[in-house]
C-alpha cells in the first residue's frame, strides 16, 4: 500500500520531467514555453503547469521529429504554437487545440501524415505559412471562428482536404489556403458547398 501511494505521489514529477522549457517571466506566477520533449510518446497530455510554472506556449521545434507521438492534447493555458513545433510527428493521429491558442508558427504541423482531421478553435486569428504542409492524409479542417489571416500556402500537397466553417462566421470564400471550403453545420452533421463571394 505504501509503495502504491509513493508511486502516485511521484507520478506528476515524472510527467513534468519529460519537458524542457524556458522562462518567459520570472515574477510569480512565472510563465514558460515548452522547448523540448523527452518522454516516451504515445498519447501525450501536456500539463498546464510544470514545476509550478504556467505553460503559455509550445516553442519552435519543441516536438520536432518525434515519431513516437500518437496524439497530443494541448492545455488551455497555451496561447501560441511555434514554428515547426510538431514537424515530422508522422504517427500523430490527433491533436486537441484549446480555445486559448491565437496563433500558429510556420510549418507547425509539417509532415504530420497521421492527421486526417483537425479542429481549429475560434480564438485563432493568425496562422503561419504552410501550417499543414505535406499532411497527405488530411481530409477535413474545421474552423470554429472567422477566417484567420495567413501569408502563404496553408495546405501545400494536401490534395484531399476540405476546409469547413460555421455559417455565422466571416471572411470565408470558395477556397481557403488554396483548398475548397464548405459550410459546416455540426449539430446536423451536414455540410453545404460554399459559393464564391
N, C-alpha and C. Protein backbone atom coordinates (compact mmCIF):
# COMPACT_ATOMS: atom_id res chain seq x y z
N UNK A 1 0.83 -1.20 0.00
CA UNK A 1 0.00 0.00 0.00
C UNK A 1 0.87 1.26 0.00
N UNK A 2 1.93 1.22 0.84
CA UNK A 2 2.83 2.37 0.89
C UNK A 2 3.54 2.60 -0.44
N UNK A 3 3.94 1.49 -1.09
CA UNK A 3 4.60 1.60 -2.40
C UNK A 3 3.67 2.21 -3.44
N UNK A 4 2.40 1.81 -3.43
CA UNK A 4 1.42 2.35 -4.36
C UNK A 4 1.23 3.84 -4.13
N UNK A 5 1.12 4.24 -2.87
CA UNK A 5 0.94 5.66 -2.53
C UNK A 5 2.15 6.47 -2.98
N UNK A 6 3.34 5.93 -2.77
CA UNK A 6 4.56 6.61 -3.19
C UNK A 6 4.59 6.78 -4.70
N UNK A 7 4.17 5.75 -5.45
CA UNK A 7 4.14 5.83 -6.91
C UNK A 7 3.18 6.93 -7.38
N UNK A 8 2.01 6.99 -6.77
CA UNK A 8 1.02 8.01 -7.15
C UNK A 8 1.54 9.41 -6.88
N UNK A 9 2.23 9.59 -5.75
CA UNK A 9 2.77 10.90 -5.41
C UNK A 9 3.90 11.31 -6.34
N UNK A 10 4.66 10.33 -6.82
CA UNK A 10 5.79 10.64 -7.70
C UNK A 10 5.37 10.88 -9.14
N UNK A 11 4.20 10.40 -9.55
CA UNK A 11 3.80 10.44 -10.95
C UNK A 11 3.83 11.84 -11.57
N UNK A 12 3.28 12.88 -10.92
CA UNK A 12 3.33 14.21 -11.54
C UNK A 12 4.75 14.69 -11.80
N UNK A 13 5.66 14.41 -10.89
CA UNK A 13 7.05 14.84 -11.07
C UNK A 13 7.68 14.13 -12.26
N UNK A 14 7.36 12.85 -12.44
CA UNK A 14 7.89 12.09 -13.58
C UNK A 14 7.37 12.68 -14.88
N UNK A 15 6.08 13.00 -14.93
CA UNK A 15 5.48 13.58 -16.13
C UNK A 15 6.12 14.93 -16.43
N UNK A 16 6.29 15.76 -15.42
CA UNK A 16 6.87 17.09 -15.61
C UNK A 16 8.31 17.02 -16.09
N UNK A 17 9.02 15.98 -15.69
CA UNK A 17 10.42 15.84 -16.06
C UNK A 17 10.60 15.53 -17.54
N UNK A 18 9.51 15.23 -18.24
CA UNK A 18 9.59 14.90 -19.66
C UNK A 18 9.72 16.14 -20.54
N UNK A 19 9.69 17.31 -19.96
CA UNK A 19 9.67 18.55 -20.75
C UNK A 19 10.86 19.44 -20.44
N UNK A 20 11.42 20.01 -21.48
CA UNK A 20 12.38 21.11 -21.33
C UNK A 20 11.62 22.40 -21.56
N UNK A 21 12.03 23.47 -20.91
CA UNK A 21 11.30 24.73 -21.06
C UNK A 21 12.20 25.93 -20.76
N UNK A 22 11.73 27.07 -21.23
CA UNK A 22 12.42 28.33 -20.94
C UNK A 22 11.44 29.26 -20.24
N UNK A 23 11.98 30.16 -19.43
CA UNK A 23 11.14 31.09 -18.68
C UNK A 23 10.81 32.32 -19.52
N UNK A 24 9.54 32.71 -19.50
CA UNK A 24 9.10 33.93 -20.17
C UNK A 24 9.04 35.08 -19.19
N UNK A 25 8.59 34.80 -17.98
CA UNK A 25 8.58 35.79 -16.90
C UNK A 25 9.16 35.15 -15.66
N UNK A 26 9.77 35.96 -14.82
CA UNK A 26 10.41 35.44 -13.61
C UNK A 26 9.67 35.86 -12.35
N UNK A 27 8.69 36.74 -12.50
CA UNK A 27 7.91 37.19 -11.35
C UNK A 27 6.68 36.29 -11.24
N UNK A 28 6.47 35.68 -10.08
CA UNK A 28 5.32 34.77 -9.93
C UNK A 28 4.00 35.47 -10.25
N UNK A 29 3.04 34.73 -10.91
CA UNK A 29 3.25 33.36 -11.38
C UNK A 29 4.10 33.34 -12.65
N UNK A 30 5.18 32.59 -12.62
CA UNK A 30 6.08 32.53 -13.76
C UNK A 30 5.42 31.78 -14.92
N UNK A 31 5.71 32.23 -16.14
CA UNK A 31 5.19 31.57 -17.33
C UNK A 31 6.35 31.00 -18.14
N UNK A 32 6.08 29.91 -18.83
CA UNK A 32 7.15 29.21 -19.54
C UNK A 32 6.69 28.79 -20.94
N UNK A 33 7.68 28.56 -21.78
CA UNK A 33 7.48 27.99 -23.11
C UNK A 33 8.14 26.62 -23.15
N UNK A 34 7.40 25.61 -23.57
CA UNK A 34 7.99 24.29 -23.72
C UNK A 34 8.93 24.30 -24.92
N UNK A 35 10.17 23.87 -24.71
CA UNK A 35 11.17 23.88 -25.78
C UNK A 35 11.57 22.49 -26.24
N UNK A 36 11.18 21.46 -25.49
CA UNK A 36 11.54 20.11 -25.88
C UNK A 36 10.76 19.08 -25.09
N UNK A 37 10.75 17.87 -25.63
CA UNK A 37 10.03 16.75 -25.00
C UNK A 37 10.93 15.53 -25.03
N UNK A 38 11.07 14.86 -23.87
CA UNK A 38 11.96 13.71 -23.77
C UNK A 38 11.21 12.45 -23.34
N UNK A 39 9.89 12.50 -23.33
CA UNK A 39 9.09 11.37 -22.89
C UNK A 39 9.05 10.25 -23.92
N UNK A 40 8.28 9.22 -23.57
CA UNK A 40 8.22 8.01 -24.41
C UNK A 40 7.19 8.09 -25.52
N UNK A 41 6.43 9.17 -25.58
CA UNK A 41 5.47 9.34 -26.66
C UNK A 41 4.13 8.73 -26.34
N UNK A 42 3.46 8.18 -27.36
CA UNK A 42 2.10 7.69 -27.19
C UNK A 42 1.13 8.85 -27.13
N UNK A 43 0.10 8.70 -26.30
CA UNK A 43 -0.88 9.78 -26.12
C UNK A 43 -0.35 10.74 -25.06
N UNK A 44 -0.02 11.95 -25.48
CA UNK A 44 0.61 12.93 -24.59
C UNK A 44 -0.38 14.03 -24.22
N UNK A 45 -0.56 14.22 -22.91
CA UNK A 45 -1.37 15.32 -22.39
C UNK A 45 -0.42 16.34 -21.77
N UNK A 46 -0.19 17.42 -22.47
CA UNK A 46 0.72 18.45 -21.96
C UNK A 46 0.07 19.13 -20.76
N UNK A 47 0.77 19.25 -19.63
CA UNK A 47 0.16 19.84 -18.43
C UNK A 47 0.08 21.37 -18.52
N UNK A 48 -0.87 21.94 -17.77
CA UNK A 48 -0.97 23.40 -17.66
C UNK A 48 0.22 23.99 -16.90
N UNK A 49 0.66 23.23 -15.90
CA UNK A 49 1.73 23.70 -15.01
C UNK A 49 2.88 22.69 -15.02
N UNK A 50 4.10 23.20 -15.02
CA UNK A 50 5.28 22.36 -14.89
C UNK A 50 6.14 22.95 -13.78
N UNK A 51 6.31 22.18 -12.72
CA UNK A 51 7.09 22.64 -11.56
C UNK A 51 6.64 24.01 -11.06
N UNK A 52 5.33 24.22 -11.03
CA UNK A 52 4.78 25.47 -10.52
C UNK A 52 4.80 26.61 -11.50
N UNK A 53 5.15 26.34 -12.76
CA UNK A 53 5.22 27.38 -13.78
C UNK A 53 4.12 27.16 -14.82
N UNK A 54 3.43 28.23 -15.20
CA UNK A 54 2.32 28.13 -16.13
C UNK A 54 2.81 28.00 -17.57
N UNK A 55 2.35 26.98 -18.26
CA UNK A 55 2.74 26.74 -19.66
C UNK A 55 1.89 27.63 -20.57
N UNK A 56 2.52 28.58 -21.28
CA UNK A 56 1.77 29.50 -22.14
C UNK A 56 2.09 29.34 -23.62
N UNK A 57 3.09 28.54 -23.96
CA UNK A 57 3.45 28.39 -25.38
C UNK A 57 4.15 27.06 -25.62
N UNK A 58 3.95 26.55 -26.83
CA UNK A 58 4.74 25.42 -27.33
C UNK A 58 5.76 26.03 -28.27
N UNK A 59 7.02 25.95 -27.95
CA UNK A 59 8.06 26.67 -28.67
C UNK A 59 8.41 26.07 -30.02
N UNK A 60 9.26 26.79 -30.75
CA UNK A 60 9.74 26.34 -32.05
C UNK A 60 10.41 24.96 -31.93
N UNK A 61 9.99 24.04 -32.79
CA UNK A 61 10.61 22.70 -32.89
C UNK A 61 10.54 21.89 -31.59
N UNK A 62 9.60 22.20 -30.72
CA UNK A 62 9.54 21.55 -29.41
C UNK A 62 9.36 20.03 -29.51
N UNK A 63 8.56 19.57 -30.45
CA UNK A 63 8.30 18.13 -30.60
C UNK A 63 8.80 17.62 -31.96
N UNK A 64 9.64 18.36 -32.64
CA UNK A 64 10.03 18.04 -34.00
C UNK A 64 10.62 16.63 -34.11
N UNK A 65 10.18 15.90 -35.13
CA UNK A 65 10.74 14.60 -35.44
C UNK A 65 10.38 13.49 -34.47
N UNK A 66 9.36 13.72 -33.63
CA UNK A 66 9.02 12.70 -32.64
C UNK A 66 8.01 11.72 -33.23
N UNK A 67 8.51 10.65 -33.78
CA UNK A 67 7.66 9.65 -34.41
C UNK A 67 6.92 8.76 -33.43
N UNK A 68 7.20 8.90 -32.13
CA UNK A 68 6.52 8.06 -31.13
C UNK A 68 5.21 8.67 -30.65
N UNK A 69 4.95 9.93 -30.96
CA UNK A 69 3.69 10.56 -30.55
C UNK A 69 2.54 9.99 -31.36
N UNK A 70 1.46 9.63 -30.67
CA UNK A 70 0.26 9.18 -31.38
C UNK A 70 -0.87 10.20 -31.26
N UNK A 71 -0.89 10.96 -30.19
CA UNK A 71 -1.87 12.04 -30.04
C UNK A 71 -1.32 13.05 -29.05
N UNK A 72 -1.79 14.30 -29.18
CA UNK A 72 -1.35 15.37 -28.28
C UNK A 72 -2.57 16.19 -27.86
N UNK A 73 -2.68 16.43 -26.57
CA UNK A 73 -3.70 17.32 -26.03
C UNK A 73 -2.99 18.53 -25.43
N UNK A 74 -3.27 19.71 -25.98
CA UNK A 74 -2.62 20.95 -25.55
C UNK A 74 -3.49 21.61 -24.48
N UNK A 75 -2.92 22.08 -23.38
CA UNK A 75 -3.73 22.64 -22.30
C UNK A 75 -4.28 24.03 -22.62
N UNK A 76 -5.32 24.43 -21.89
CA UNK A 76 -5.98 25.71 -22.17
C UNK A 76 -5.23 26.92 -21.62
N UNK A 77 -4.00 26.72 -21.19
CA UNK A 77 -3.14 27.84 -20.80
C UNK A 77 -2.28 28.32 -21.96
N UNK A 78 -2.18 27.50 -23.01
CA UNK A 78 -1.28 27.79 -24.14
C UNK A 78 -1.92 28.79 -25.10
N UNK A 79 -1.14 29.82 -25.48
CA UNK A 79 -1.63 30.86 -26.38
C UNK A 79 -1.03 30.77 -27.78
N UNK A 80 0.13 30.16 -27.91
CA UNK A 80 0.76 30.09 -29.23
C UNK A 80 1.51 28.78 -29.41
N UNK A 81 1.59 28.37 -30.68
CA UNK A 81 2.31 27.16 -31.06
C UNK A 81 3.36 27.57 -32.08
N UNK A 82 4.61 27.26 -31.81
CA UNK A 82 5.71 27.83 -32.56
C UNK A 82 6.00 27.18 -33.90
N UNK A 83 7.02 27.73 -34.56
CA UNK A 83 7.47 27.25 -35.87
C UNK A 83 7.93 25.80 -35.77
N UNK A 84 7.41 24.96 -36.66
CA UNK A 84 7.79 23.54 -36.74
C UNK A 84 7.62 22.81 -35.40
N UNK A 85 6.68 23.26 -34.59
CA UNK A 85 6.51 22.67 -33.25
C UNK A 85 6.28 21.17 -33.29
N UNK A 86 5.48 20.71 -34.25
CA UNK A 86 5.16 19.28 -34.38
C UNK A 86 5.60 18.73 -35.74
N UNK A 87 6.56 19.38 -36.35
CA UNK A 87 7.09 18.94 -37.65
C UNK A 87 7.57 17.49 -37.57
N UNK A 88 7.17 16.68 -38.56
CA UNK A 88 7.61 15.29 -38.66
C UNK A 88 7.12 14.39 -37.52
N UNK A 89 6.03 14.77 -36.87
CA UNK A 89 5.39 13.86 -35.91
C UNK A 89 4.43 12.99 -36.73
N UNK A 90 4.98 12.12 -37.52
CA UNK A 90 4.24 11.44 -38.60
C UNK A 90 3.27 10.37 -38.10
N UNK A 91 3.38 9.94 -36.84
CA UNK A 91 2.43 8.96 -36.31
C UNK A 91 1.34 9.60 -35.45
N UNK A 92 1.35 10.91 -35.36
CA UNK A 92 0.34 11.60 -34.57
C UNK A 92 -0.98 11.63 -35.35
N UNK A 93 -2.00 10.98 -34.80
CA UNK A 93 -3.28 10.88 -35.49
C UNK A 93 -4.30 11.90 -35.02
N UNK A 94 -4.06 12.54 -33.88
CA UNK A 94 -4.99 13.58 -33.43
C UNK A 94 -4.26 14.61 -32.58
N UNK A 95 -4.75 15.85 -32.66
CA UNK A 95 -4.24 16.93 -31.83
C UNK A 95 -5.43 17.74 -31.33
N UNK A 96 -5.46 17.97 -30.02
CA UNK A 96 -6.53 18.75 -29.40
C UNK A 96 -6.00 20.14 -29.10
N UNK A 97 -6.60 21.13 -29.75
CA UNK A 97 -6.14 22.52 -29.63
C UNK A 97 -7.19 23.30 -28.84
N UNK A 98 -6.82 23.92 -27.72
CA UNK A 98 -7.81 24.60 -26.88
C UNK A 98 -8.19 25.98 -27.42
N UNK A 99 -9.25 26.52 -26.85
CA UNK A 99 -9.75 27.83 -27.26
C UNK A 99 -8.98 28.98 -26.60
N UNK A 100 -7.70 28.75 -26.37
CA UNK A 100 -6.82 29.78 -25.83
C UNK A 100 -5.74 30.14 -26.85
N UNK A 101 -5.51 29.23 -27.80
CA UNK A 101 -4.47 29.43 -28.81
C UNK A 101 -4.92 30.50 -29.80
N UNK A 102 -4.05 31.47 -30.06
CA UNK A 102 -4.38 32.55 -31.01
C UNK A 102 -3.54 32.48 -32.28
N UNK A 103 -2.40 31.77 -32.24
CA UNK A 103 -1.55 31.76 -33.43
C UNK A 103 -0.74 30.48 -33.54
N UNK A 104 -0.40 30.16 -34.80
CA UNK A 104 0.46 29.03 -35.13
C UNK A 104 1.65 29.54 -35.92
N UNK A 105 2.82 28.99 -35.64
CA UNK A 105 4.01 29.34 -36.40
C UNK A 105 4.06 28.61 -37.73
N UNK A 106 4.99 29.02 -38.60
CA UNK A 106 5.16 28.39 -39.91
C UNK A 106 5.47 26.90 -39.75
N UNK A 107 4.88 26.10 -40.65
CA UNK A 107 5.18 24.66 -40.72
C UNK A 107 4.94 23.92 -39.40
N UNK A 108 4.03 24.41 -38.57
CA UNK A 108 3.83 23.82 -37.24
C UNK A 108 3.48 22.34 -37.30
N UNK A 109 2.76 21.93 -38.35
CA UNK A 109 2.36 20.52 -38.48
C UNK A 109 2.88 19.92 -39.78
N UNK A 110 4.01 20.36 -40.25
CA UNK A 110 4.61 19.83 -41.47
C UNK A 110 4.84 18.32 -41.35
N UNK A 111 4.46 17.60 -42.41
CA UNK A 111 4.71 16.15 -42.49
C UNK A 111 4.03 15.35 -41.38
N UNK A 112 2.90 15.83 -40.90
CA UNK A 112 2.13 15.04 -39.92
C UNK A 112 1.16 14.15 -40.71
N UNK A 113 1.70 13.07 -41.26
CA UNK A 113 0.94 12.21 -42.17
C UNK A 113 -0.25 11.54 -41.50
N UNK A 114 -0.18 11.33 -40.19
CA UNK A 114 -1.23 10.62 -39.49
C UNK A 114 -2.51 11.41 -39.29
N UNK A 115 -2.45 12.72 -39.42
CA UNK A 115 -3.64 13.55 -39.20
C UNK A 115 -4.62 13.39 -40.35
N UNK A 116 -5.88 13.14 -40.02
CA UNK A 116 -6.93 13.09 -41.04
C UNK A 116 -7.92 14.25 -40.88
N UNK A 117 -8.07 14.74 -39.65
CA UNK A 117 -8.92 15.91 -39.43
C UNK A 117 -8.40 16.68 -38.22
N UNK A 118 -8.66 18.00 -38.24
CA UNK A 118 -8.20 18.88 -37.16
C UNK A 118 -9.28 19.92 -36.90
N UNK A 119 -9.49 20.25 -35.62
CA UNK A 119 -10.42 21.30 -35.22
C UNK A 119 -9.62 22.53 -34.80
N UNK A 120 -9.90 23.67 -35.43
CA UNK A 120 -9.22 24.92 -35.10
C UNK A 120 -10.20 25.80 -34.31
N UNK A 121 -9.86 26.19 -33.08
CA UNK A 121 -10.81 26.95 -32.24
C UNK A 121 -11.00 28.38 -32.72
N UNK A 122 -12.06 29.02 -32.23
CA UNK A 122 -12.38 30.37 -32.71
C UNK A 122 -11.45 31.44 -32.17
N UNK A 123 -10.55 31.08 -31.27
CA UNK A 123 -9.58 32.04 -30.74
C UNK A 123 -8.45 32.32 -31.72
N UNK A 124 -8.27 31.46 -32.72
CA UNK A 124 -7.13 31.59 -33.65
C UNK A 124 -7.38 32.72 -34.64
N UNK A 125 -6.46 33.67 -34.69
CA UNK A 125 -6.58 34.81 -35.60
C UNK A 125 -5.48 34.84 -36.66
N UNK A 126 -4.40 34.08 -36.44
CA UNK A 126 -3.29 34.10 -37.38
C UNK A 126 -2.64 32.72 -37.47
N UNK A 127 -2.38 32.28 -38.70
CA UNK A 127 -1.68 31.01 -38.88
C UNK A 127 -0.47 31.23 -39.78
N UNK A 128 0.60 30.52 -39.47
CA UNK A 128 1.84 30.70 -40.20
C UNK A 128 1.81 30.06 -41.58
N UNK A 129 2.84 30.33 -42.34
CA UNK A 129 2.97 29.77 -43.68
C UNK A 129 3.02 28.24 -43.62
N UNK A 130 2.35 27.60 -44.59
CA UNK A 130 2.45 26.16 -44.77
C UNK A 130 2.15 25.38 -43.48
N UNK A 131 1.13 25.80 -42.79
CA UNK A 131 0.80 25.22 -41.49
C UNK A 131 0.68 23.70 -41.54
N UNK A 132 -0.07 23.19 -42.53
CA UNK A 132 -0.29 21.74 -42.66
C UNK A 132 0.41 21.18 -43.89
N UNK A 133 1.53 21.74 -44.26
CA UNK A 133 2.26 21.30 -45.45
C UNK A 133 2.55 19.81 -45.40
N UNK A 134 2.22 19.10 -46.48
CA UNK A 134 2.54 17.67 -46.66
C UNK A 134 1.87 16.77 -45.63
N UNK A 135 0.70 17.17 -45.15
CA UNK A 135 -0.13 16.27 -44.33
C UNK A 135 -1.03 15.52 -45.30
N UNK A 136 -0.46 14.54 -45.97
CA UNK A 136 -1.07 13.93 -47.15
C UNK A 136 -2.42 13.26 -46.91
N UNK A 137 -2.68 12.84 -45.68
CA UNK A 137 -3.94 12.14 -45.38
C UNK A 137 -5.00 13.04 -44.77
N UNK A 138 -4.69 14.32 -44.69
CA UNK A 138 -5.65 15.27 -44.12
C UNK A 138 -6.82 15.47 -45.08
N UNK A 139 -8.04 15.28 -44.57
CA UNK A 139 -9.23 15.43 -45.43
C UNK A 139 -10.16 16.53 -44.94
N UNK A 140 -10.09 16.92 -43.67
CA UNK A 140 -11.01 17.93 -43.15
C UNK A 140 -10.36 18.76 -42.06
N UNK A 141 -10.49 20.09 -42.20
CA UNK A 141 -10.08 21.01 -41.14
C UNK A 141 -11.28 21.87 -40.81
N UNK A 142 -11.69 21.84 -39.54
CA UNK A 142 -12.89 22.54 -39.09
C UNK A 142 -12.50 23.80 -38.34
N UNK A 143 -12.94 24.95 -38.85
CA UNK A 143 -12.66 26.24 -38.21
C UNK A 143 -13.91 26.69 -37.45
N UNK A 144 -13.75 26.96 -36.17
CA UNK A 144 -14.87 27.38 -35.34
C UNK A 144 -15.09 28.89 -35.34
N UNK A 145 -14.11 29.64 -35.88
CA UNK A 145 -14.21 31.10 -35.87
C UNK A 145 -14.10 31.70 -37.25
N UNK A 146 -13.86 33.01 -37.27
CA UNK A 146 -13.69 33.72 -38.54
C UNK A 146 -12.40 33.26 -39.23
N UNK A 147 -12.32 33.51 -40.51
CA UNK A 147 -11.13 33.11 -41.27
C UNK A 147 -9.90 33.81 -40.71
N UNK A 148 -8.88 33.07 -40.30
CA UNK A 148 -7.67 33.70 -39.79
C UNK A 148 -6.80 34.24 -40.92
N UNK A 149 -5.92 35.14 -40.59
CA UNK A 149 -5.00 35.68 -41.59
C UNK A 149 -3.85 34.70 -41.81
N UNK A 150 -3.32 34.70 -43.04
CA UNK A 150 -2.16 33.87 -43.36
C UNK A 150 -1.43 34.53 -44.52
N UNK A 151 -0.15 34.18 -44.68
CA UNK A 151 0.69 34.84 -45.68
C UNK A 151 0.97 34.00 -46.91
N UNK A 152 0.85 32.71 -46.79
CA UNK A 152 1.24 31.85 -47.90
C UNK A 152 0.38 30.60 -47.89
N UNK A 153 0.79 29.60 -48.65
CA UNK A 153 0.03 28.35 -48.72
C UNK A 153 -0.13 27.74 -47.33
N UNK A 154 -1.30 27.22 -47.08
CA UNK A 154 -1.59 26.57 -45.80
C UNK A 154 -1.53 25.06 -45.94
N UNK A 155 -2.01 24.57 -47.08
CA UNK A 155 -2.21 23.13 -47.27
C UNK A 155 -1.40 22.59 -48.44
N UNK A 156 -0.15 22.99 -48.55
CA UNK A 156 0.69 22.53 -49.64
C UNK A 156 0.74 21.00 -49.68
N UNK A 157 0.45 20.40 -50.83
CA UNK A 157 0.47 18.96 -51.06
C UNK A 157 -0.63 18.20 -50.31
N UNK A 158 -1.59 18.92 -49.72
CA UNK A 158 -2.74 18.27 -49.08
C UNK A 158 -3.87 18.24 -50.10
N UNK A 159 -3.84 17.28 -50.98
CA UNK A 159 -4.71 17.31 -52.15
C UNK A 159 -6.16 16.92 -51.88
N UNK A 160 -6.45 16.39 -50.70
CA UNK A 160 -7.80 15.88 -50.43
C UNK A 160 -8.54 16.64 -49.33
N UNK A 161 -7.96 17.72 -48.85
CA UNK A 161 -8.53 18.42 -47.70
C UNK A 161 -9.65 19.38 -48.12
N UNK A 162 -10.68 19.45 -47.29
CA UNK A 162 -11.73 20.46 -47.41
C UNK A 162 -11.74 21.27 -46.13
N UNK A 163 -11.91 22.57 -46.25
CA UNK A 163 -11.96 23.47 -45.11
C UNK A 163 -13.42 23.74 -44.77
N UNK A 164 -13.80 23.46 -43.54
CA UNK A 164 -15.19 23.66 -43.10
C UNK A 164 -15.26 24.84 -42.14
N UNK A 165 -16.33 25.65 -42.29
CA UNK A 165 -16.51 26.81 -41.42
C UNK A 165 -17.98 26.95 -41.03
N UNK A 166 -18.22 27.59 -39.90
CA UNK A 166 -19.58 27.75 -39.39
C UNK A 166 -20.31 28.86 -40.13
N UNK A 167 -21.63 28.72 -40.31
CA UNK A 167 -22.40 29.68 -41.12
C UNK A 167 -22.32 31.12 -40.64
N UNK A 168 -22.23 31.34 -39.32
CA UNK A 168 -22.26 32.70 -38.79
C UNK A 168 -20.90 33.39 -38.77
N UNK A 169 -19.85 32.71 -39.24
CA UNK A 169 -18.51 33.29 -39.23
C UNK A 169 -18.24 34.05 -40.53
N UNK A 170 -17.17 34.85 -40.53
CA UNK A 170 -16.90 35.76 -41.66
C UNK A 170 -15.51 35.53 -42.25
N UNK A 171 -15.32 36.08 -43.44
CA UNK A 171 -14.01 36.07 -44.09
C UNK A 171 -13.77 34.89 -45.00
N UNK A 172 -14.76 34.04 -45.16
CA UNK A 172 -14.58 32.83 -45.96
C UNK A 172 -15.03 33.03 -47.40
N UNK A 173 -14.37 32.37 -48.32
CA UNK A 173 -14.77 32.35 -49.72
C UNK A 173 -14.92 30.92 -50.18
N UNK A 174 -14.84 30.71 -51.47
CA UNK A 174 -14.99 29.35 -52.01
C UNK A 174 -13.73 28.51 -51.80
N UNK A 175 -12.61 29.18 -51.51
CA UNK A 175 -11.38 28.47 -51.17
C UNK A 175 -10.71 29.16 -49.99
N UNK A 176 -9.85 28.42 -49.31
CA UNK A 176 -9.03 28.99 -48.24
C UNK A 176 -7.69 28.27 -48.28
N UNK A 177 -6.62 29.04 -48.39
CA UNK A 177 -5.30 28.44 -48.47
C UNK A 177 -5.14 27.51 -49.66
N UNK A 178 -5.91 27.81 -50.73
CA UNK A 178 -5.81 27.01 -51.94
C UNK A 178 -6.66 25.76 -51.95
N UNK A 179 -7.49 25.55 -50.93
CA UNK A 179 -8.33 24.36 -50.88
C UNK A 179 -9.80 24.75 -50.77
N UNK A 180 -10.71 23.88 -51.26
CA UNK A 180 -12.14 24.22 -51.26
C UNK A 180 -12.71 24.33 -49.84
N UNK A 181 -13.72 25.17 -49.72
CA UNK A 181 -14.39 25.34 -48.43
C UNK A 181 -15.82 24.83 -48.52
N UNK A 182 -16.40 24.57 -47.36
CA UNK A 182 -17.80 24.17 -47.27
C UNK A 182 -18.35 24.64 -45.93
N UNK A 183 -19.62 25.00 -45.92
CA UNK A 183 -20.26 25.39 -44.67
C UNK A 183 -20.45 24.15 -43.80
N UNK A 184 -20.16 24.31 -42.52
CA UNK A 184 -20.21 23.22 -41.57
C UNK A 184 -21.36 23.45 -40.60
N UNK A 185 -22.26 22.49 -40.54
CA UNK A 185 -23.38 22.56 -39.59
C UNK A 185 -23.21 21.37 -38.64
N UNK A 186 -22.47 21.57 -37.54
CA UNK A 186 -22.04 20.42 -36.72
C UNK A 186 -23.17 19.62 -36.08
N UNK A 187 -24.27 20.26 -35.72
CA UNK A 187 -25.32 19.54 -34.99
C UNK A 187 -26.13 18.62 -35.90
N UNK A 188 -26.10 18.90 -37.19
CA UNK A 188 -26.82 18.04 -38.12
C UNK A 188 -25.87 17.17 -38.93
N UNK A 189 -24.56 17.39 -38.70
CA UNK A 189 -23.53 16.60 -39.40
C UNK A 189 -23.67 16.74 -40.92
N UNK A 190 -24.05 17.93 -41.38
CA UNK A 190 -24.15 18.16 -42.81
C UNK A 190 -23.26 19.33 -43.20
N UNK A 191 -22.92 19.37 -44.46
CA UNK A 191 -22.15 20.47 -44.99
C UNK A 191 -22.82 20.97 -46.25
N UNK A 192 -22.54 22.23 -46.57
CA UNK A 192 -23.09 22.86 -47.76
C UNK A 192 -21.93 23.43 -48.55
N UNK A 193 -21.84 23.11 -49.81
CA UNK A 193 -20.75 23.63 -50.63
C UNK A 193 -20.84 25.13 -50.71
N UNK A 194 -19.71 25.79 -50.44
CA UNK A 194 -19.69 27.25 -50.42
C UNK A 194 -19.68 27.82 -51.84
N UNK A 195 -20.26 28.99 -51.98
CA UNK A 195 -20.21 29.71 -53.26
C UNK A 195 -19.25 30.88 -53.14
N UNK A 196 -18.73 31.32 -54.24
CA UNK A 196 -17.79 32.42 -54.24
C UNK A 196 -18.48 33.68 -53.74
N UNK A 197 -17.71 34.50 -52.96
CA UNK A 197 -18.23 35.78 -52.51
C UNK A 197 -17.24 36.88 -52.86
